[in-house]
């Protein structure tokens, strides 16, 4: 999988992330993203999220039986109406950007 497979989407958290960092995200286009993996820095941030929070997620596909995704980075997290973070510069995982939705 190449860099062109990476996507950047504005998403809503569908349910509390599980203890392994898995989470379902709903894109603004109605698509569900089953995030089954996350980079090390993202795992910590996932624990702070709850159902209904909105994030801009940088995702890459994961080779698996289903439609799994890995969260490379989270930007612009908004927690149920109030901003937690607005700057992507605090990311520590390389700054991968993909096409805008």
C-alpha atoms as a PDB file:
ATOM      1  CA  UNK A   1       0.000   0.000   0.000  1.00  0.00           C
ATOM      2  CA  UNK A   2       1.403   3.343  -0.956  1.00  0.00           C
ATOM      3  CA  UNK A   3       1.100   6.869   0.356  1.00  0.00           C
ATOM      4  CA  UNK A   4      -1.831   7.412  -2.022  1.00  0.00           C
ATOM      5  CA  UNK A   5      -3.920   5.019   0.094  1.00  0.00           C
ATOM      6  CA  UNK A   6      -3.854   7.419   3.054  1.00  0.00           C
ATOM      7  CA  UNK A   7      -7.069   9.415   3.526  1.00  0.00           C
ATOM      8  CA  UNK A   8      -7.945  12.365   5.729  1.00  0.00           C
ATOM      9  CA  UNK A   9     -11.577  12.547   6.855  1.00  0.00           C
ATOM     10  CA  UNK A  10     -13.672  14.527   9.312  1.00  0.00           C
ATOM     11  CA  UNK A  11     -15.359  11.876  11.477  1.00  0.00           C
ATOM     12  CA  UNK A  12     -17.602  11.423  14.493  1.00  0.00           C
ATOM     13  CA  UNK A  13     -16.767   8.818  17.130  1.00  0.00           C
ATOM     14  CA  UNK A  14     -19.578   6.219  17.092  1.00  0.00           C
ATOM     15  CA  UNK A  15     -18.801   4.634  20.478  1.00  0.00           C
ATOM     16  CA  UNK A  16     -16.209   4.799  23.241  1.00  0.00           C
ATOM     17  CA  UNK A  17     -12.896   3.372  21.962  1.00  0.00           C
ATOM     18  CA  UNK A  18     -12.216  -0.113  23.319  1.00  0.00           C
ATOM     19  CA  UNK A  19      -9.222  -0.857  25.533  1.00  0.00           C
ATOM     20  CA  UNK A  20      -7.164  -1.988  22.529  1.00  0.00           C
ATOM     21  CA  UNK A  21      -7.720   1.304  20.712  1.00  0.00           C
ATOM     22  CA  UNK A  22     -10.319  -0.007  18.289  1.00  0.00           C
ATOM     23  CA  UNK A  23     -13.035   2.477  17.426  1.00  0.00           C
ATOM     24  CA  UNK A  24     -15.732   3.041  14.831  1.00  0.00           C
ATOM     25  CA  UNK A  25     -15.674   6.426  13.132  1.00  0.00           C
ATOM     26  CA  UNK A  26     -18.452   7.815  10.929  1.00  0.00           C
ATOM     27  CA  UNK A  27     -17.279  10.041   8.097  1.00  0.00           C
ATOM     28  CA  UNK A  28     -19.280  13.103   7.102  1.00  0.00           C
ATOM     29  CA  UNK A  29     -20.160  11.198   3.911  1.00  0.00           C
ATOM     30  CA  UNK A  30     -21.902   8.516   6.012  1.00  0.00           C
ATOM     31  CA  UNK A  31     -19.173   5.907   5.586  1.00  0.00           C
ATOM     32  CA  UNK A  32     -18.133   3.883   8.625  1.00  0.00           C
ATOM     33  CA  UNK A  33     -14.408   3.413   9.280  1.00  0.00           C
ATOM     34  CA  UNK A  34     -13.537   0.466  11.527  1.00  0.00           C
ATOM     35  CA  UNK A  35     -10.242   1.570  13.062  1.00  0.00           C
ATOM     36  CA  UNK A  36      -8.544  -1.587  14.313  1.00  0.00           C
ATOM     37  CA  UNK A  37      -5.079  -0.122  14.827  1.00  0.00           C
ATOM     38  CA  UNK A  38      -3.510   3.211  15.706  1.00  0.00           C
ATOM     39  CA  UNK A  39      -0.057   4.714  15.872  1.00  0.00           C
ATOM     40  CA  UNK A  40       1.478   4.945  19.341  1.00  0.00           C
ATOM     41  CA  UNK A  41       0.733   8.641  19.867  1.00  0.00           C
ATOM     42  CA  UNK A  42      -2.845   8.221  18.670  1.00  0.00           C
ATOM     43  CA  UNK A  43      -3.661   5.472  21.193  1.00  0.00           C
ATOM     44  CA  UNK A  44      -3.236   7.907  24.092  1.00  0.00           C
ATOM     45  CA  UNK A  45      -5.452  10.486  22.424  1.00  0.00           C
ATOM     46  CA  UNK A  46      -8.116   7.875  21.643  1.00  0.00           C
ATOM     47  CA  UNK A  47      -8.570   7.226  25.355  1.00  0.00           C
ATOM     48  CA  UNK A  48      -9.655  10.860  25.750  1.00  0.00           C
ATOM     49  CA  UNK A  49     -12.418  10.541  23.152  1.00  0.00           C
ATOM     50  CA  UNK A  50     -16.039   9.643  23.721  1.00  0.00           C
ATOM     51  CA  UNK A  51     -19.145   8.987  21.690  1.00  0.00           C
ATOM     52  CA  UNK A  52     -20.126  12.024  19.653  1.00  0.00           C
ATOM     53  CA  UNK A  53     -16.684  13.649  19.628  1.00  0.00           C
ATOM     54  CA  UNK A  54     -15.598  14.919  16.232  1.00  0.00           C
ATOM     55  CA  UNK A  55     -12.076  14.487  14.855  1.00  0.00           C
ATOM     56  CA  UNK A  56     -10.174  14.856  11.643  1.00  0.00           C
ATOM     57  CA  UNK A  57      -8.537  11.465  11.224  1.00  0.00           C
ATOM     58  CA  UNK A  58      -5.696  10.530   8.918  1.00  0.00           C
ATOM     59  CA  UNK A  59      -6.364   6.884   8.072  1.00  0.00           C
ATOM     60  CA  UNK A  60      -4.638   4.176   6.069  1.00  0.00           C
ATOM     61  CA  UNK A  61      -6.120   0.823   5.070  1.00  0.00           C
ATOM     62  CA  UNK A  62      -5.012  -2.302   6.931  1.00  0.00           C
ATOM     63  CA  UNK A  63      -4.713  -5.667   5.235  1.00  0.00           C
ATOM     64  CA  UNK A  64      -7.315  -7.795   6.954  1.00  0.00           C
ATOM     65  CA  UNK A  65     -10.415  -9.836   6.177  1.00  0.00           C
ATOM     66  CA  UNK A  66     -12.721  -6.852   6.448  1.00  0.00           C
ATOM     67  CA  UNK A  67     -12.527  -3.129   5.837  1.00  0.00           C
ATOM     68  CA  UNK A  68     -10.049  -2.203   8.587  1.00  0.00           C
ATOM     69  CA  UNK A  69      -8.197   1.059   9.024  1.00  0.00           C
ATOM     70  CA  UNK A  70      -5.199   2.308  11.004  1.00  0.00           C
ATOM     71  CA  UNK A  71      -5.372   5.792  12.509  1.00  0.00           C
ATOM     72  CA  UNK A  72      -2.106   7.509  11.638  1.00  0.00           C
ATOM     73  CA  UNK A  73      -2.941  10.866  13.200  1.00  0.00           C
ATOM     74  CA  UNK A  74      -5.813  12.796  14.793  1.00  0.00           C
ATOM     75  CA  UNK A  75      -6.207  16.524  14.168  1.00  0.00           C
ATOM     76  CA  UNK A  76      -8.757  19.101  15.212  1.00  0.00           C
ATOM     77  CA  UNK A  77     -10.468  17.147  17.986  1.00  0.00           C
ATOM     78  CA  UNK A  78     -13.748  18.673  19.178  1.00  0.00           C
ATOM     79  CA  UNK A  79     -15.276  17.105  22.255  1.00  0.00           C
ATOM     80  CA  UNK A  80     -19.059  17.326  22.121  1.00  0.00           C
ATOM     81  CA  UNK A  81     -19.107  20.993  21.279  1.00  0.00           C
ATOM     82  CA  UNK A  82     -15.936  22.422  22.841  1.00  0.00           C
ATOM     83  CA  UNK A  83     -12.473  22.306  21.268  1.00  0.00           C
ATOM     84  CA  UNK A  84      -9.817  20.146  22.922  1.00  0.00           C
ATOM     85  CA  UNK A  85      -7.176  20.798  20.327  1.00  0.00           C
ATOM     86  CA  UNK A  86      -7.149  22.750  17.102  1.00  0.00           C
ATOM     87  CA  UNK A  87      -3.582  22.542  15.874  1.00  0.00           C
ATOM     88  CA  UNK A  88      -2.161  19.521  14.046  1.00  0.00           C
ATOM     89  CA  UNK A  89       1.380  20.612  14.952  1.00  0.00           C
ATOM     90  CA  UNK A  90       1.261  18.714  18.240  1.00  0.00           C
ATOM     91  CA  UNK A  91       1.262  15.428  16.350  1.00  0.00           C
ATOM     92  CA  UNK A  92       4.360  13.309  16.802  1.00  0.00           C
ATOM     93  CA  UNK A  93       3.832  10.741  14.091  1.00  0.00           C
ATOM     94  CA  UNK A  94       5.279  12.283  10.950  1.00  0.00           C
ATOM     95  CA  UNK A  95       2.602  14.617   9.656  1.00  0.00           C
ATOM     96  CA  UNK A  96       1.116  12.429   6.918  1.00  0.00           C
ATOM     97  CA  UNK A  97      -1.539  14.227   4.913  1.00  0.00           C
ATOM     98  CA  UNK A  98      -3.957  12.753   2.431  1.00  0.00           C
ATOM     99  CA  UNK A  99      -6.584  14.208   0.144  1.00  0.00           C
ATOM    100  CA  UNK A 100      -9.335  16.267   1.701  1.00  0.00           C
ATOM    101  CA  UNK A 101     -12.867  14.825   1.506  1.00  0.00           C
END
